[in-house]
Protein backbone atom coordinates (compact mmCIF):
# COMPACT_ATOMS: atom_id res chain seq x y z
CA MET A 1 23.02 72.01 12.96
CA ALA A 2 21.66 70.97 16.90
CA GLU A 3 25.22 71.80 18.28
CA ALA A 4 25.33 75.44 16.15
CA MET A 5 23.16 76.41 18.02
CA ARG A 6 22.50 77.23 21.83
CA ILE A 7 19.34 75.69 23.58
CA ARG A 8 17.28 78.32 25.21
CA GLY A 9 13.82 78.60 26.54
CA ASP A 10 10.89 76.82 25.02
CA ASP A 11 9.88 80.89 24.12
CA VAL A 12 13.22 81.80 23.45
CA PRO A 13 14.88 82.38 19.91
CA ALA A 14 17.75 79.26 18.87
CA PHE A 15 20.93 81.69 18.41
CA PHE A 16 24.40 80.36 17.09
CA ARG A 17 26.98 80.38 18.59
CA ASP A 18 28.09 84.27 17.01
CA LYS A 19 25.47 85.98 19.06
CA ALA A 20 23.61 85.92 14.85
CA PRO A 21 19.80 85.18 15.73
CA ALA A 22 18.78 82.12 13.44
CA LYS A 23 16.11 83.89 11.74
CA GLY A 24 15.30 83.72 7.46
CA TYR A 25 14.79 79.61 7.48
CA THR A 26 12.25 77.96 5.31
CA TYR A 27 10.16 74.69 5.77
CA ARG A 28 13.02 73.27 3.41
CA GLU A 29 16.43 74.06 5.31
CA TYR A 30 13.99 71.97 8.10
CA CYS A 31 13.68 69.40 6.99
CA SER A 32 17.08 69.51 5.90
CA TRP A 33 17.92 69.43 10.10
CA GLY A 34 16.98 66.24 10.85
CA GLU A 35 14.67 64.26 13.71
CA ASP A 36 16.81 64.62 16.56
CA VAL A 37 16.82 68.52 16.38
CA ARG A 38 12.92 69.29 17.70
CA CYS A 39 11.72 71.97 17.37
CA GLU A 40 9.86 74.82 15.31
CA LEU A 41 9.35 77.77 12.79
CA ILE A 42 7.62 81.03 13.92
CA ASP A 43 8.91 83.66 10.48
CA GLY A 44 11.81 82.39 9.78
CA THR A 45 12.69 82.19 12.97
CA VAL A 46 13.84 79.00 14.75
CA TYR A 47 12.46 77.69 18.86
CA LEU A 48 13.60 74.62 19.69
CA MET A 49 11.76 72.68 21.98
CA SER A 50 12.77 70.62 25.26
CA ALA A 51 11.10 67.73 26.71
CA PRO A 52 7.88 68.21 28.50
CA VAL A 53 6.93 67.65 32.48
CA ARG A 54 4.35 64.95 33.16
CA TRP A 55 1.50 66.82 33.63
CA HIS A 56 1.47 68.42 30.05
CA GLN A 57 2.12 64.83 29.00
CA ILE A 58 -1.20 63.12 30.49
CA ALA A 59 -2.82 65.94 29.57
CA ALA A 60 -1.87 65.48 25.65
CA GLY A 61 -2.33 61.78 25.88
CA GLU A 62 -5.51 62.05 27.39
CA ILE A 63 -7.07 64.12 24.76
CA TYR A 64 -5.71 62.50 22.70
CA GLY A 65 -7.24 59.06 23.48
CA GLN A 66 -9.97 60.71 23.51
CA LEU A 67 -10.41 62.17 19.73
CA ARG A 68 -8.86 58.46 18.69
CA ASN A 69 -11.73 57.02 19.86
CA TRP A 70 -14.69 58.88 18.64
CA LEU A 71 -13.15 59.57 15.50
CA GLU A 72 -12.17 55.43 15.28
CA ASP A 73 -14.22 54.78 11.53
CA LYS A 74 -14.40 58.84 10.76
CA THR A 75 -12.59 59.90 8.10
CA CYS A 76 -10.62 62.96 10.24
CA GLU A 77 -7.89 62.05 11.45
CA PRO A 78 -6.81 63.30 15.51
CA TYR A 79 -2.44 63.86 15.62
CA ILE A 80 0.44 64.17 18.54
CA ALA A 81 3.30 65.66 18.59
CA PRO A 82 5.76 65.93 17.37
CA PHE A 83 3.52 66.49 14.05
CA ASP A 84 4.77 69.08 11.43
CA VAL A 85 2.21 71.96 11.20
CA ARG A 86 2.99 74.61 7.82
CA LEU A 87 -0.12 76.65 7.99
CA PHE A 88 1.39 78.79 4.94
CA PRO A 89 2.64 76.67 2.34
CA PRO A 90 3.13 78.16 -0.69
CA PRO A 91 0.75 77.88 -2.92
CA GLY A 92 1.60 76.12 -6.28
CA GLU A 93 4.80 74.36 -6.29
CA ASP A 94 5.30 72.85 -3.42
CA ASP A 95 8.88 75.28 -3.06
CA GLY A 96 9.34 75.07 0.73
CA SER A 97 10.02 78.36 1.29
CA ASP A 98 7.33 78.32 3.32
CA ARG A 99 8.47 79.70 6.72
CA VAL A 100 6.18 78.95 10.20
CA VAL A 101 6.40 74.87 10.68
CA VAL A 102 5.03 74.72 14.21
CA GLN A 103 4.28 71.71 16.72
CA PRO A 104 0.73 71.64 18.27
CA ASP A 105 0.59 69.28 20.90
CA VAL A 106 -2.82 67.71 18.93
CA ILE A 107 -4.24 68.64 15.91
CA VAL A 108 -6.92 66.56 13.95
CA VAL A 109 -7.57 67.16 10.01
CA CYS A 110 -10.30 66.37 8.21
CA ASP A 111 -9.37 66.89 4.54
CA PRO A 112 -6.87 63.86 3.77
CA LYS A 113 -4.58 66.33 0.74
CA LYS A 114 -3.22 68.31 3.06
CA LEU A 115 -2.11 64.78 4.77
CA SER A 116 -0.97 63.95 1.30
CA ASP A 117 2.75 64.21 1.00
CA GLY A 118 2.87 61.64 4.29
CA LYS A 119 5.95 64.26 6.06
CA ALA A 120 3.10 67.06 7.81
CA CYS A 121 -0.02 68.75 7.59
CA ARG A 122 0.35 71.37 4.76
CA GLY A 123 -2.27 74.35 5.91
CA ALA A 124 -4.40 74.95 9.18
CA PRO A 125 -6.30 71.28 10.77
CA ASP A 126 -9.03 71.74 11.84
CA PHE A 127 -8.02 71.62 15.88
CA VAL A 128 -5.36 72.71 17.64
CA VAL A 129 -5.08 72.07 21.38
CA GLU A 130 -2.07 74.11 23.28
CA VAL A 131 -1.98 72.78 26.45
CA THR A 132 0.65 74.96 28.80
CA SER A 133 3.88 74.76 30.19
CA ARG A 134 6.38 77.19 31.32
CA GLY A 135 7.88 78.05 28.51
CA THR A 136 5.41 78.05 26.54
CA LYS A 137 1.90 79.53 27.51
CA GLY A 138 3.15 82.46 26.26
CA ASN A 139 3.48 82.21 23.43
CA ASP A 140 -0.04 80.22 22.93
CA PHE A 141 -1.89 82.79 23.75
CA SER A 142 -0.11 85.45 21.67
CA VAL A 143 1.91 84.34 18.68
CA LYS A 144 0.88 80.62 18.58
CA LYS A 145 -2.79 81.95 18.79
CA ASN A 146 -2.47 84.89 15.71
CA LEU A 147 -1.07 82.62 13.89
CA TYR A 148 -3.62 80.20 14.06
CA GLU A 149 -6.61 82.71 13.60
CA LYS A 150 -5.01 83.92 10.58
CA ALA A 151 -4.05 80.59 9.39
CA GLY A 152 -7.95 79.33 10.04
CA VAL A 153 -7.76 76.93 12.48
CA ALA A 154 -10.91 76.52 12.95
CA GLU A 155 -11.27 75.50 16.82
CA TYR A 156 -8.79 76.15 18.80
CA TRP A 157 -8.09 75.08 22.81
CA ILE A 158 -5.61 76.13 25.27
CA VAL A 159 -5.96 73.24 27.76
CA ASP A 160 -4.41 74.99 31.12
CA SER A 161 -3.91 73.61 34.63
CA ASP A 162 -6.82 74.81 35.75
CA ALA A 163 -8.90 75.82 33.36
CA VAL A 164 -9.84 75.03 29.10
CA TYR A 165 -9.88 78.30 26.57
CA LYS A 166 -11.65 78.00 24.15
CA TYR A 167 -11.41 80.23 20.76
CA VAL A 168 -13.40 80.08 16.72
CA PRO A 169 -13.74 82.65 14.81
CA VAL A 170 -16.46 84.83 14.66
CA ASN A 171 -16.80 87.46 12.03
CA GLY A 172 -12.76 86.80 11.17
CA GLU A 173 -11.47 86.32 14.58
CA TYR A 174 -11.05 84.78 17.71
CA ARG A 175 -13.91 84.91 20.59
CA GLU A 176 -12.79 83.55 23.41
CA THR A 177 -14.47 81.23 26.03
CA MET A 178 -13.23 80.14 28.96
CA HIS A 179 -14.18 76.88 31.05
CA GLU A 180 -13.10 75.98 34.55
CA ILE A 181 -11.03 72.43 35.19
CA ASP A 182 -13.00 70.21 37.27
CA GLU A 183 -13.92 66.36 37.35
CA GLY A 184 -16.58 66.39 35.78
CA LEU A 185 -16.21 69.10 32.79
CA GLU A 186 -17.07 67.54 29.82
CA LEU A 187 -16.77 70.14 25.93
CA GLU A 188 -17.82 69.19 23.01
CA VAL A 189 -15.64 70.21 19.90
CA GLY A 190 -17.86 72.93 18.11
CA VAL A 191 -15.74 71.65 14.65
CA LEU A 192 -16.93 67.99 15.88
CA PRO A 193 -20.55 67.29 16.38
CA GLY A 194 -21.43 64.68 19.17
CA CYS A 195 -17.33 64.49 20.02
CA LYS A 196 -16.68 65.40 23.48
CA ILE A 197 -13.46 65.48 25.69
CA GLY A 198 -14.25 64.00 29.34
CA PHE A 199 -11.32 65.59 32.12
CA ARG A 200 -11.88 63.29 35.20
CA ARG A 201 -8.57 61.62 34.58
CA ILE A 202 -6.91 64.47 33.29
CA VAL A 203 -7.64 66.04 36.80
CA LYS A 204 -7.11 62.77 38.78
CA GLN A 205 -3.81 61.51 37.11
CA ALA A 206 -2.35 64.92 36.96
CA LEU A 207 -3.44 68.19 38.98
C-alpha cells in the first residue's frame, strides 16, 4: 500500500502512481494497510501524514500529560496520536464500511463502550485537541471542525502557535472563543469540570 501511493503534503490527498484519486476506501480496507502507513480517511479519501515538528510534539505532549495526570483514577481516559477515531461507525453489526477515520493529536473518551474493541474509538470522543502545523492548519479549522461538530464532539480545541480556539456546541452548532497564549494562560476543559490546562511550559519550551 505504501508503495502504491505518492507521498503528498498533509493537506493534500494521496494519489496512485497512475494519478487516479485514492478515493472510496473504507475502514475495513484501512485496517489492511498495516501500522507502517500512517494516514487518515476523510469521506473515503486517503490523507497521508508526515512527522510533526518539535513545537507540535511539545504542545501535544504537554496537554496530554496534564490530562493524564488529572484523569488518574477517573473514568475518562486520554489518548495521544496515533490512535484511530471512527467518527461515524456503522450502526448494528460492524462491517467496517465507514469512511471517516481520523487521528486527533489528543482525545478524551469517557464512554468505555467506545473503546471496547481495543483498536479505536468507535464514535465521537468527548474532547478533541488538534495542534496546528503548516500542512494541517486548513483542515483543522474547516474539514475537521465540521466533522467533529457533525459527529457530536462536545468540546474541540485548536492550539495554534499564538492562540487557542475553543469550540463548544450551542443549539447544535459550534461557537468559537479565542484565547491568546501566554505563560499565564490556564483554560478549563468544559466537559471535565475542574480540569484546567496550563500553557506555561508550552510557552517556555516551544514558543
